[in-house]
Amino acid sequence: MPGSNTGGDSPERDQQKQPTDLQRDTAGTIDDDGGGGLTTGQVATLTRLLRIAYPHPSFPDAPYQRTAKTIQDADGADAVLAAGLDGLDEAAGGDFSALSDAEATAAVERIADSAFFALVHSTTVVALYDDHEVWALLGYEGSSFDKGGYLDRGFDDLDWLPKPRIEENPDEQRVEIVTTSTGSTTAGGEGER
């Protein structure tokens, strides 16, 4: 076939990027104390943004910090993340982290339609709520398949609902809906002989 060459030494193949060439090199840019090309202040602003946009007062900092790191690693983050965080600080009058919760929420609402917030939101809804520490905090036990399913593991553990009424109240009359052979519906079996 013209243009197809399966040989390993063709000039066209040499010019194509190999899969290892396409991998993102994060060596030296992401470390345990924030990194990702962001300053310490920008990482603090991002973490504060996550706490404002996804408020869970009982959550410790660690899930938010792991989510911030995941956002830094996301595709397209380099293009918008640092500028978006700087813009958020600017919109906040200098320091987004210093705002009250109400003021910070208003600032987040002002940037909700930006490409920056779209990146943060689309990454956070997966990363934060897929964190196993968050699962434990929310009471989610995780996958049931590998543990034999939910049938014998509390699928009906509804301790947050009131106890159901088991017996019927003799003072309440039950109305039975009956469909006749002609297709008409009657209540209580009326008209059926």
N, C-alpha and C. Protein backbone atom coordinates (compact mmCIF):
# COMPACT_ATOMS: atom_id res chain seq x y z
N MET A 1 0.83 -1.17 0.00
CA MET A 1 0.00 0.00 0.00
C MET A 1 0.88 1.24 0.00
N PRO A 2 0.49 2.27 -0.75
CA PRO A 2 1.30 3.47 -0.75
C PRO A 2 1.21 4.18 0.60
N GLY A 3 2.33 4.66 1.06
CA GLY A 3 2.40 5.43 2.30
C GLY A 3 2.45 4.57 3.55
N SER A 4 2.27 3.25 3.42
CA SER A 4 2.37 2.43 4.62
C SER A 4 3.66 1.67 4.58
N ASN A 5 4.39 1.79 5.65
CA ASN A 5 5.67 1.12 5.73
C ASN A 5 5.76 0.52 7.12
N THR A 6 5.88 -0.78 7.18
CA THR A 6 5.95 -1.43 8.47
C THR A 6 7.39 -1.64 8.92
N GLY A 7 8.30 -1.24 8.14
CA GLY A 7 9.71 -1.39 8.51
C GLY A 7 10.06 -0.47 9.65
N GLY A 8 10.96 -0.89 10.49
CA GLY A 8 11.33 -0.11 11.66
C GLY A 8 12.33 0.97 11.36
N ASP A 9 12.94 0.99 10.13
CA ASP A 9 13.97 1.97 9.89
C ASP A 9 13.55 3.02 8.86
N SER A 10 12.26 3.28 8.70
CA SER A 10 11.83 4.29 7.73
C SER A 10 12.04 5.68 8.31
N PRO A 11 12.32 6.65 7.47
CA PRO A 11 12.51 8.02 7.97
C PRO A 11 11.21 8.57 8.58
N GLU A 12 10.05 8.16 8.02
CA GLU A 12 8.78 8.65 8.55
C GLU A 12 8.59 8.17 9.99
N ARG A 13 8.93 6.92 10.24
CA ARG A 13 8.76 6.36 11.59
C ARG A 13 9.75 7.02 12.55
N ASP A 14 10.94 7.32 12.10
CA ASP A 14 11.92 7.97 12.97
C ASP A 14 11.44 9.34 13.41
N GLN A 15 10.64 10.03 12.55
CA GLN A 15 10.15 11.37 12.88
C GLN A 15 8.93 11.34 13.79
N GLN A 16 8.22 10.20 13.83
CA GLN A 16 7.06 10.09 14.70
C GLN A 16 7.52 9.99 16.16
N LYS A 17 6.70 10.55 17.02
CA LYS A 17 7.04 10.47 18.44
C LYS A 17 6.66 9.11 18.99
N GLN A 18 7.52 8.59 19.78
CA GLN A 18 7.28 7.33 20.44
C GLN A 18 6.43 7.59 21.69
N PRO A 19 5.69 6.57 22.17
CA PRO A 19 4.86 6.78 23.37
C PRO A 19 5.62 7.35 24.56
N THR A 20 6.87 6.96 24.72
CA THR A 20 7.63 7.48 25.85
C THR A 20 7.94 8.96 25.66
N ASP A 21 8.00 9.42 24.40
CA ASP A 21 8.23 10.83 24.14
C ASP A 21 6.99 11.67 24.46
N LEU A 22 5.82 11.04 24.43
CA LEU A 22 4.57 11.76 24.64
C LEU A 22 4.19 11.87 26.11
N GLN A 23 4.86 11.11 26.95
CA GLN A 23 4.54 11.17 28.38
C GLN A 23 4.99 12.50 28.96
N ARG A 24 4.20 12.99 29.87
CA ARG A 24 4.53 14.26 30.50
C ARG A 24 5.64 14.05 31.52
N ASP A 25 6.71 14.82 31.38
CA ASP A 25 7.84 14.72 32.30
C ASP A 25 7.56 15.63 33.49
N THR A 26 7.31 15.02 34.63
CA THR A 26 7.03 15.79 35.83
C THR A 26 8.20 15.79 36.80
N ALA A 27 9.32 15.24 36.38
CA ALA A 27 10.49 15.19 37.25
C ALA A 27 10.93 16.60 37.61
N GLY A 28 11.06 16.83 38.87
CA GLY A 28 11.56 18.12 39.32
C GLY A 28 10.50 19.21 39.38
N THR A 29 9.25 18.95 38.93
CA THR A 29 8.24 20.00 38.96
C THR A 29 7.19 19.76 40.01
N ILE A 30 7.02 18.50 40.41
CA ILE A 30 6.00 18.21 41.41
C ILE A 30 6.68 17.50 42.56
N ASP A 31 6.53 18.05 43.72
CA ASP A 31 7.12 17.42 44.89
C ASP A 31 6.08 17.38 46.00
N ASP A 32 6.45 16.87 47.12
CA ASP A 32 5.50 16.65 48.20
C ASP A 32 5.01 17.94 48.85
N ASP A 33 5.70 19.04 48.67
CA ASP A 33 5.25 20.25 49.32
C ASP A 33 4.59 21.23 48.35
N GLY A 34 3.82 20.71 47.39
CA GLY A 34 3.07 21.58 46.50
C GLY A 34 3.55 21.46 45.10
N GLY A 35 4.61 22.15 44.77
CA GLY A 35 5.25 22.06 43.47
C GLY A 35 4.32 22.28 42.32
N GLY A 36 4.59 21.56 41.22
CA GLY A 36 3.76 21.67 40.04
C GLY A 36 3.93 22.99 39.33
N GLY A 37 5.00 23.72 39.64
CA GLY A 37 5.19 25.00 39.00
C GLY A 37 4.47 26.13 39.72
N LEU A 38 3.75 25.82 40.76
CA LEU A 38 3.03 26.83 41.52
C LEU A 38 3.84 27.26 42.73
N THR A 39 3.66 28.49 43.11
CA THR A 39 4.31 28.97 44.33
C THR A 39 3.56 28.42 45.54
N THR A 40 4.16 28.53 46.70
CA THR A 40 3.52 28.08 47.92
C THR A 40 2.21 28.83 48.15
N GLY A 41 2.21 30.12 47.85
CA GLY A 41 1.00 30.93 47.99
C GLY A 41 -0.10 30.49 47.04
N GLN A 42 0.27 30.14 45.80
CA GLN A 42 -0.72 29.68 44.83
C GLN A 42 -1.32 28.34 45.25
N VAL A 43 -0.49 27.45 45.81
CA VAL A 43 -0.98 26.16 46.30
C VAL A 43 -1.96 26.40 47.46
N ALA A 44 -1.64 27.35 48.35
CA ALA A 44 -2.54 27.68 49.46
C ALA A 44 -3.86 28.25 48.93
N THR A 45 -3.78 29.09 47.90
CA THR A 45 -4.99 29.66 47.30
C THR A 45 -5.84 28.57 46.66
N LEU A 46 -5.20 27.64 45.96
CA LEU A 46 -5.93 26.53 45.33
C LEU A 46 -6.62 25.67 46.39
N THR A 47 -5.93 25.37 47.48
CA THR A 47 -6.51 24.56 48.54
C THR A 47 -7.69 25.29 49.18
N ARG A 48 -7.55 26.59 49.39
CA ARG A 48 -8.66 27.39 49.94
C ARG A 48 -9.84 27.40 48.98
N LEU A 49 -9.57 27.53 47.68
CA LEU A 49 -10.62 27.49 46.66
C LEU A 49 -11.39 26.17 46.74
N LEU A 50 -10.67 25.07 46.90
CA LEU A 50 -11.32 23.77 46.99
C LEU A 50 -12.20 23.68 48.22
N ARG A 51 -11.73 24.22 49.34
CA ARG A 51 -12.54 24.19 50.57
C ARG A 51 -13.79 25.05 50.44
N ILE A 52 -13.71 26.14 49.68
CA ILE A 52 -14.87 27.02 49.49
C ILE A 52 -15.85 26.38 48.51
N ALA A 53 -15.35 25.86 47.41
CA ALA A 53 -16.21 25.31 46.36
C ALA A 53 -16.81 23.96 46.75
N TYR A 54 -16.11 23.20 47.59
CA TYR A 54 -16.55 21.87 48.03
C TYR A 54 -16.46 21.82 49.55
N PRO A 55 -17.38 22.51 50.24
CA PRO A 55 -17.26 22.66 51.69
C PRO A 55 -17.69 21.41 52.46
N HIS A 56 -16.78 20.89 53.20
CA HIS A 56 -17.03 19.78 54.12
C HIS A 56 -16.25 20.11 55.39
N PRO A 57 -16.87 20.77 56.34
CA PRO A 57 -16.14 21.22 57.54
C PRO A 57 -15.45 20.10 58.30
N SER A 58 -15.97 18.88 58.21
CA SER A 58 -15.36 17.78 58.97
C SER A 58 -14.16 17.15 58.26
N PHE A 59 -13.91 17.53 57.01
CA PHE A 59 -12.78 16.96 56.27
C PHE A 59 -11.47 17.59 56.73
N PRO A 60 -10.44 16.78 56.92
CA PRO A 60 -9.11 17.35 57.21
C PRO A 60 -8.51 17.97 55.94
N ASP A 61 -7.35 18.55 56.06
CA ASP A 61 -6.70 19.19 54.91
C ASP A 61 -6.19 18.20 53.87
N ALA A 62 -5.80 17.00 54.30
CA ALA A 62 -5.12 16.06 53.39
C ALA A 62 -5.90 15.75 52.10
N PRO A 63 -7.19 15.46 52.13
CA PRO A 63 -7.89 15.19 50.86
C PRO A 63 -7.89 16.40 49.93
N TYR A 64 -8.03 17.59 50.49
CA TYR A 64 -7.99 18.80 49.68
C TYR A 64 -6.61 19.02 49.08
N GLN A 65 -5.57 18.73 49.85
CA GLN A 65 -4.20 18.88 49.35
C GLN A 65 -3.91 17.87 48.25
N ARG A 66 -4.39 16.62 48.41
CA ARG A 66 -4.20 15.63 47.35
C ARG A 66 -4.96 16.02 46.09
N THR A 67 -6.13 16.60 46.27
CA THR A 67 -6.91 17.05 45.12
C THR A 67 -6.20 18.21 44.42
N ALA A 68 -5.63 19.12 45.18
CA ALA A 68 -4.88 20.24 44.59
C ALA A 68 -3.71 19.71 43.77
N LYS A 69 -3.05 18.69 44.27
CA LYS A 69 -1.93 18.09 43.54
C LYS A 69 -2.42 17.43 42.24
N THR A 70 -3.58 16.78 42.29
CA THR A 70 -4.16 16.17 41.11
C THR A 70 -4.52 17.23 40.07
N ILE A 71 -5.03 18.36 40.52
CA ILE A 71 -5.36 19.46 39.60
C ILE A 71 -4.09 19.95 38.92
N GLN A 72 -3.00 20.06 39.67
CA GLN A 72 -1.74 20.50 39.08
C GLN A 72 -1.25 19.53 38.01
N ASP A 73 -1.55 18.24 38.19
CA ASP A 73 -1.12 17.22 37.23
C ASP A 73 -2.05 17.09 36.03
N ALA A 74 -3.21 17.72 36.08
CA ALA A 74 -4.22 17.55 35.04
C ALA A 74 -3.75 18.11 33.70
N ASP A 75 -4.23 17.47 32.63
CA ASP A 75 -3.93 17.98 31.29
C ASP A 75 -4.48 19.39 31.14
N GLY A 76 -3.71 20.28 30.59
CA GLY A 76 -4.13 21.65 30.37
C GLY A 76 -3.94 22.55 31.57
N ALA A 77 -3.47 22.02 32.68
CA ALA A 77 -3.32 22.83 33.89
C ALA A 77 -2.26 23.90 33.72
N ASP A 78 -1.18 23.56 33.03
CA ASP A 78 -0.09 24.52 32.88
C ASP A 78 -0.57 25.81 32.21
N ALA A 79 -1.52 25.68 31.30
CA ALA A 79 -1.97 26.84 30.52
C ALA A 79 -2.84 27.80 31.33
N VAL A 80 -3.60 27.31 32.30
CA VAL A 80 -4.55 28.18 32.97
C VAL A 80 -4.42 28.26 34.49
N LEU A 81 -3.75 27.33 35.11
CA LEU A 81 -3.79 27.24 36.57
C LEU A 81 -3.14 28.43 37.27
N ALA A 82 -1.90 28.71 36.98
CA ALA A 82 -1.21 29.81 37.67
C ALA A 82 -1.88 31.15 37.39
N ALA A 83 -2.26 31.38 36.13
CA ALA A 83 -2.93 32.64 35.79
C ALA A 83 -4.29 32.73 36.46
N GLY A 84 -5.02 31.62 36.53
CA GLY A 84 -6.32 31.62 37.19
C GLY A 84 -6.23 31.90 38.67
N LEU A 85 -5.23 31.32 39.32
CA LEU A 85 -5.04 31.57 40.76
C LEU A 85 -4.64 33.01 41.02
N ASP A 86 -3.76 33.55 40.17
CA ASP A 86 -3.38 34.96 40.31
C ASP A 86 -4.58 35.86 40.08
N GLY A 87 -5.42 35.50 39.09
CA GLY A 87 -6.63 36.27 38.82
C GLY A 87 -7.62 36.20 39.97
N LEU A 88 -7.69 35.06 40.62
CA LEU A 88 -8.57 34.91 41.78
C LEU A 88 -8.09 35.79 42.93
N ASP A 89 -6.79 35.81 43.17
CA ASP A 89 -6.24 36.70 44.20
C ASP A 89 -6.51 38.16 43.85
N GLU A 90 -6.35 38.50 42.58
CA GLU A 90 -6.59 39.87 42.13
C GLU A 90 -8.06 40.25 42.32
N ALA A 91 -8.97 39.34 41.95
CA ALA A 91 -10.41 39.60 42.12
C ALA A 91 -10.78 39.73 43.59
N ALA A 92 -10.00 39.09 44.45
CA ALA A 92 -10.26 39.14 45.89
C ALA A 92 -9.64 40.37 46.54
N GLY A 93 -8.98 41.18 45.76
CA GLY A 93 -8.36 42.37 46.32
C GLY A 93 -6.98 42.11 46.88
N GLY A 94 -6.35 41.03 46.44
CA GLY A 94 -4.98 40.77 46.86
C GLY A 94 -4.74 39.39 47.44
N ASP A 95 -5.62 38.89 48.31
CA ASP A 95 -5.35 37.61 48.94
C ASP A 95 -6.66 36.84 49.15
N PHE A 96 -6.96 35.92 48.25
CA PHE A 96 -8.17 35.11 48.33
C PHE A 96 -8.23 34.33 49.62
N SER A 97 -7.10 33.84 50.09
CA SER A 97 -7.05 33.03 51.31
C SER A 97 -7.47 33.80 52.55
N ALA A 98 -7.36 35.13 52.51
CA ALA A 98 -7.68 35.94 53.68
C ALA A 98 -9.16 36.32 53.75
N LEU A 99 -9.94 36.03 52.71
CA LEU A 99 -11.35 36.40 52.69
C LEU A 99 -12.17 35.53 53.65
N SER A 100 -13.28 36.09 54.10
CA SER A 100 -14.23 35.29 54.89
C SER A 100 -14.86 34.28 53.93
N ASP A 101 -15.54 33.28 54.49
CA ASP A 101 -16.17 32.27 53.65
C ASP A 101 -17.19 32.88 52.69
N ALA A 102 -17.98 33.83 53.18
CA ALA A 102 -19.00 34.48 52.34
C ALA A 102 -18.35 35.28 51.22
N GLU A 103 -17.30 36.03 51.53
CA GLU A 103 -16.60 36.81 50.50
C GLU A 103 -15.91 35.90 49.50
N ALA A 104 -15.32 34.83 49.99
CA ALA A 104 -14.64 33.88 49.10
C ALA A 104 -15.65 33.19 48.18
N THR A 105 -16.82 32.84 48.71
CA THR A 105 -17.86 32.22 47.89
C THR A 105 -18.30 33.18 46.79
N ALA A 106 -18.46 34.44 47.10
CA ALA A 106 -18.84 35.44 46.10
C ALA A 106 -17.76 35.56 45.03
N ALA A 107 -16.49 35.52 45.43
CA ALA A 107 -15.39 35.59 44.45
C ALA A 107 -15.39 34.36 43.54
N VAL A 108 -15.67 33.19 44.11
CA VAL A 108 -15.73 31.96 43.31
C VAL A 108 -16.89 32.03 42.32
N GLU A 109 -18.02 32.56 42.76
CA GLU A 109 -19.18 32.69 41.87
C GLU A 109 -18.85 33.59 40.68
N ARG A 110 -18.01 34.61 40.89
CA ARG A 110 -17.65 35.52 39.80
C ARG A 110 -16.78 34.83 38.74
N ILE A 111 -16.04 33.79 39.12
CA ILE A 111 -15.15 33.12 38.16
C ILE A 111 -15.70 31.77 37.69
N ALA A 112 -16.94 31.46 38.07
CA ALA A 112 -17.50 30.12 37.81
C ALA A 112 -17.56 29.76 36.33
N ASP A 113 -17.60 30.73 35.44
CA ASP A 113 -17.69 30.45 34.00
C ASP A 113 -16.33 30.46 33.30
N SER A 114 -15.26 30.59 34.05
CA SER A 114 -13.92 30.68 33.44
C SER A 114 -13.36 29.29 33.12
N ALA A 115 -12.41 29.27 32.19
CA ALA A 115 -11.72 28.01 31.85
C ALA A 115 -10.95 27.49 33.05
N PHE A 116 -10.42 28.39 33.85
CA PHE A 116 -9.71 28.01 35.07
C PHE A 116 -10.62 27.23 36.01
N PHE A 117 -11.82 27.77 36.29
CA PHE A 117 -12.71 27.08 37.21
C PHE A 117 -13.25 25.79 36.60
N ALA A 118 -13.42 25.75 35.29
CA ALA A 118 -13.86 24.51 34.63
C ALA A 118 -12.83 23.41 34.85
N LEU A 119 -11.56 23.75 34.77
CA LEU A 119 -10.49 22.78 35.04
C LEU A 119 -10.54 22.31 36.49
N VAL A 120 -10.67 23.26 37.41
CA VAL A 120 -10.70 22.93 38.84
C VAL A 120 -11.92 22.05 39.13
N HIS A 121 -13.08 22.44 38.64
CA HIS A 121 -14.31 21.70 38.92
C HIS A 121 -14.27 20.30 38.33
N SER A 122 -13.91 20.19 37.05
CA SER A 122 -13.95 18.88 36.38
C SER A 122 -12.95 17.91 36.99
N THR A 123 -11.87 18.39 37.52
CA THR A 123 -10.89 17.53 38.16
C THR A 123 -11.29 17.19 39.60
N THR A 124 -11.82 18.18 40.31
CA THR A 124 -12.13 17.99 41.73
C THR A 124 -13.29 17.03 41.95
N VAL A 125 -14.33 17.10 41.13
CA VAL A 125 -15.49 16.23 41.37
C VAL A 125 -15.10 14.76 41.28
N VAL A 126 -14.05 14.46 40.54
CA VAL A 126 -13.57 13.08 40.47
C VAL A 126 -12.52 12.83 41.55
N ALA A 127 -11.52 13.67 41.64
CA ALA A 127 -10.39 13.42 42.54
C ALA A 127 -10.78 13.46 44.01
N LEU A 128 -11.56 14.45 44.42
CA LEU A 128 -11.91 14.57 45.83
C LEU A 128 -12.80 13.42 46.28
N TYR A 129 -13.80 13.11 45.48
CA TYR A 129 -14.77 12.11 45.91
C TYR A 129 -14.36 10.69 45.55
N ASP A 130 -13.20 10.52 44.95
CA ASP A 130 -12.64 9.19 44.71
C ASP A 130 -11.52 8.90 45.70
N ASP A 131 -11.32 9.78 46.64
CA ASP A 131 -10.30 9.63 47.66
C ASP A 131 -10.83 8.69 48.76
N HIS A 132 -10.09 7.65 49.07
CA HIS A 132 -10.57 6.66 50.04
C HIS A 132 -10.74 7.24 51.44
N GLU A 133 -9.97 8.24 51.81
CA GLU A 133 -10.17 8.89 53.10
C GLU A 133 -11.52 9.61 53.12
N VAL A 134 -11.88 10.22 52.00
CA VAL A 134 -13.18 10.89 51.89
C VAL A 134 -14.30 9.85 51.96
N TRP A 135 -14.10 8.71 51.31
CA TRP A 135 -15.11 7.64 51.39
C TRP A 135 -15.40 7.31 52.85
N ALA A 136 -14.35 7.14 53.63
CA ALA A 136 -14.53 6.79 55.05
C ALA A 136 -15.25 7.91 55.80
N LEU A 137 -14.90 9.15 55.50
CA LEU A 137 -15.53 10.29 56.17
C LEU A 137 -17.01 10.40 55.83
N LEU A 138 -17.38 10.00 54.62
CA LEU A 138 -18.77 10.07 54.18
C LEU A 138 -19.56 8.80 54.49
N GLY A 139 -18.87 7.77 54.97
CA GLY A 139 -19.54 6.53 55.32
C GLY A 139 -19.72 5.57 54.17
N TYR A 140 -19.04 5.81 53.07
CA TYR A 140 -19.12 4.92 51.91
C TYR A 140 -18.08 3.81 52.09
N GLU A 141 -18.52 2.57 51.97
CA GLU A 141 -17.62 1.45 52.22
C GLU A 141 -16.83 1.04 50.99
N GLY A 142 -17.12 1.62 49.86
CA GLY A 142 -16.42 1.26 48.65
C GLY A 142 -17.16 0.19 47.88
N SER A 143 -16.47 -0.41 46.95
CA SER A 143 -17.05 -1.44 46.10
C SER A 143 -17.54 -2.61 46.94
N SER A 144 -18.67 -3.15 46.57
CA SER A 144 -19.20 -4.30 47.30
C SER A 144 -18.92 -5.62 46.59
N PHE A 145 -18.63 -5.56 45.31
CA PHE A 145 -18.45 -6.79 44.53
C PHE A 145 -17.38 -7.69 45.11
N ASP A 146 -16.23 -7.12 45.40
CA ASP A 146 -15.12 -7.94 45.90
C ASP A 146 -15.34 -8.42 47.34
N LYS A 147 -16.39 -7.91 48.00
CA LYS A 147 -16.70 -8.33 49.37
C LYS A 147 -17.97 -9.18 49.42
N GLY A 148 -18.44 -9.63 48.26
CA GLY A 148 -19.62 -10.49 48.22
C GLY A 148 -20.93 -9.78 48.03
N GLY A 149 -20.92 -8.50 47.70
CA GLY A 149 -22.16 -7.76 47.48
C GLY A 149 -22.68 -7.13 48.75
N TYR A 150 -23.80 -6.42 48.61
CA TYR A 150 -24.39 -5.72 49.74
C TYR A 150 -25.45 -6.54 50.49
N LEU A 151 -25.90 -7.63 49.91
CA LEU A 151 -27.02 -8.37 50.50
C LEU A 151 -26.77 -8.73 51.96
N ASP A 152 -25.59 -9.23 52.28
CA ASP A 152 -25.29 -9.61 53.66
C ASP A 152 -24.38 -8.60 54.36
N ARG A 153 -24.28 -7.40 53.79
CA ARG A 153 -23.37 -6.40 54.36
C ARG A 153 -24.08 -5.10 54.69
N GLY A 154 -25.38 -5.16 54.97
CA GLY A 154 -26.07 -3.96 55.43
C GLY A 154 -26.71 -3.12 54.35
N PHE A 155 -27.19 -3.75 53.27
CA PHE A 155 -27.84 -2.95 52.23
C PHE A 155 -29.08 -2.24 52.78
N ASP A 156 -29.68 -2.81 53.82
CA ASP A 156 -30.87 -2.22 54.42
C ASP A 156 -30.56 -1.55 55.77
N ASP A 157 -29.34 -1.17 55.97
CA ASP A 157 -28.92 -0.49 57.19
C ASP A 157 -29.34 0.98 57.08
N LEU A 158 -30.56 1.24 57.46
CA LEU A 158 -31.12 2.57 57.31
C LEU A 158 -31.37 3.20 58.68
N ASP A 159 -30.34 3.27 59.49
CA ASP A 159 -30.50 3.78 60.84
C ASP A 159 -30.82 5.27 60.88
N TRP A 160 -30.74 5.95 59.75
CA TRP A 160 -31.05 7.36 59.70
C TRP A 160 -32.52 7.62 59.36
N LEU A 161 -33.30 6.54 59.06
CA LEU A 161 -34.73 6.66 58.81
C LEU A 161 -35.52 6.17 60.01
N PRO A 162 -36.77 6.67 60.18
CA PRO A 162 -37.58 6.14 61.28
C PRO A 162 -37.94 4.68 61.01
N LYS A 163 -38.21 3.95 62.08
CA LYS A 163 -38.59 2.55 61.94
C LYS A 163 -39.92 2.46 61.18
N PRO A 164 -40.02 1.53 60.23
CA PRO A 164 -41.27 1.42 59.46
C PRO A 164 -42.38 0.81 60.31
N ARG A 165 -43.62 1.16 59.96
CA ARG A 165 -44.78 0.60 60.64
C ARG A 165 -45.04 -0.76 60.01
N ILE A 166 -44.98 -1.81 60.78
CA ILE A 166 -45.12 -3.16 60.25
C ILE A 166 -46.58 -3.58 60.16
N GLU A 167 -47.36 -3.33 61.22
CA GLU A 167 -48.76 -3.77 61.21
C GLU A 167 -49.63 -2.75 60.48
N GLU A 168 -50.76 -3.24 59.98
CA GLU A 168 -51.70 -2.36 59.30
C GLU A 168 -52.63 -1.74 60.32
N ASN A 169 -53.06 -0.55 60.04
CA ASN A 169 -54.00 0.15 60.89
C ASN A 169 -55.40 -0.33 60.52
N PRO A 170 -56.15 -0.94 61.44
CA PRO A 170 -57.47 -1.46 61.10
C PRO A 170 -58.48 -0.37 60.77
N ASP A 171 -58.21 0.87 61.17
CA ASP A 171 -59.14 1.96 60.89
C ASP A 171 -58.99 2.50 59.46
N GLU A 172 -57.90 2.19 58.82
CA GLU A 172 -57.70 2.65 57.45
C GLU A 172 -58.23 1.61 56.48
N GLN A 173 -59.05 2.04 55.56
CA GLN A 173 -59.55 1.11 54.55
C GLN A 173 -58.63 1.16 53.34
N ARG A 174 -58.34 -0.01 52.85
CA ARG A 174 -57.50 -0.10 51.65
C ARG A 174 -58.40 -0.11 50.43
N VAL A 175 -58.08 0.70 49.49
CA VAL A 175 -58.82 0.74 48.24
C VAL A 175 -58.06 -0.11 47.24
N GLU A 176 -58.76 -1.08 46.65
CA GLU A 176 -58.13 -1.92 45.66
C GLU A 176 -58.57 -1.46 44.28
N ILE A 177 -57.62 -1.34 43.39
CA ILE A 177 -57.88 -0.95 42.02
C ILE A 177 -58.03 -2.23 41.20
N VAL A 178 -59.15 -2.35 40.50
CA VAL A 178 -59.42 -3.56 39.73
C VAL A 178 -59.65 -3.16 38.28
N THR A 179 -58.99 -3.88 37.38
CA THR A 179 -59.19 -3.65 35.96
C THR A 179 -60.15 -4.73 35.45
N THR A 180 -61.23 -4.30 34.81
CA THR A 180 -62.22 -5.25 34.30
C THR A 180 -61.77 -5.81 32.98
N SER A 181 -62.48 -6.80 32.50
CA SER A 181 -62.14 -7.44 31.23
C SER A 181 -62.30 -6.50 30.06
N THR A 182 -63.06 -5.42 30.21
CA THR A 182 -63.23 -4.45 29.13
C THR A 182 -62.14 -3.39 29.16
N GLY A 183 -61.30 -3.44 30.18
CA GLY A 183 -60.20 -2.48 30.25
C GLY A 183 -60.51 -1.29 31.13
N SER A 184 -61.76 -1.17 31.64
CA SER A 184 -62.06 -0.05 32.52
C SER A 184 -61.55 -0.34 33.92
N THR A 185 -61.28 0.72 34.65
CA THR A 185 -60.73 0.59 36.00
C THR A 185 -61.78 1.02 37.01
N THR A 186 -61.93 0.24 38.06
CA THR A 186 -62.86 0.59 39.12
C THR A 186 -62.14 0.48 40.44
N ALA A 187 -62.65 1.19 41.44
CA ALA A 187 -62.08 1.13 42.78
C ALA A 187 -62.87 0.17 43.64
N GLY A 188 -62.21 -0.69 44.34
CA GLY A 188 -62.85 -1.59 45.27
C GLY A 188 -63.62 -2.72 44.62
N GLY A 189 -63.43 -2.94 43.38
CA GLY A 189 -64.08 -4.06 42.71
C GLY A 189 -65.52 -3.76 42.31
N GLU A 190 -65.97 -2.50 42.37
CA GLU A 190 -67.33 -2.15 41.99
C GLU A 190 -67.60 -2.48 40.54
N GLY A 191 -68.77 -2.93 40.24
CA GLY A 191 -69.17 -3.19 38.86
C GLY A 191 -68.71 -4.54 38.35
N GLU A 192 -68.01 -5.29 39.18
CA GLU A 192 -67.52 -6.59 38.73
C GLU A 192 -68.40 -7.66 39.31
N ARG A 193 -68.90 -8.56 38.50
CA ARG A 193 -69.79 -9.59 39.00
C ARG A 193 -69.36 -10.92 38.46
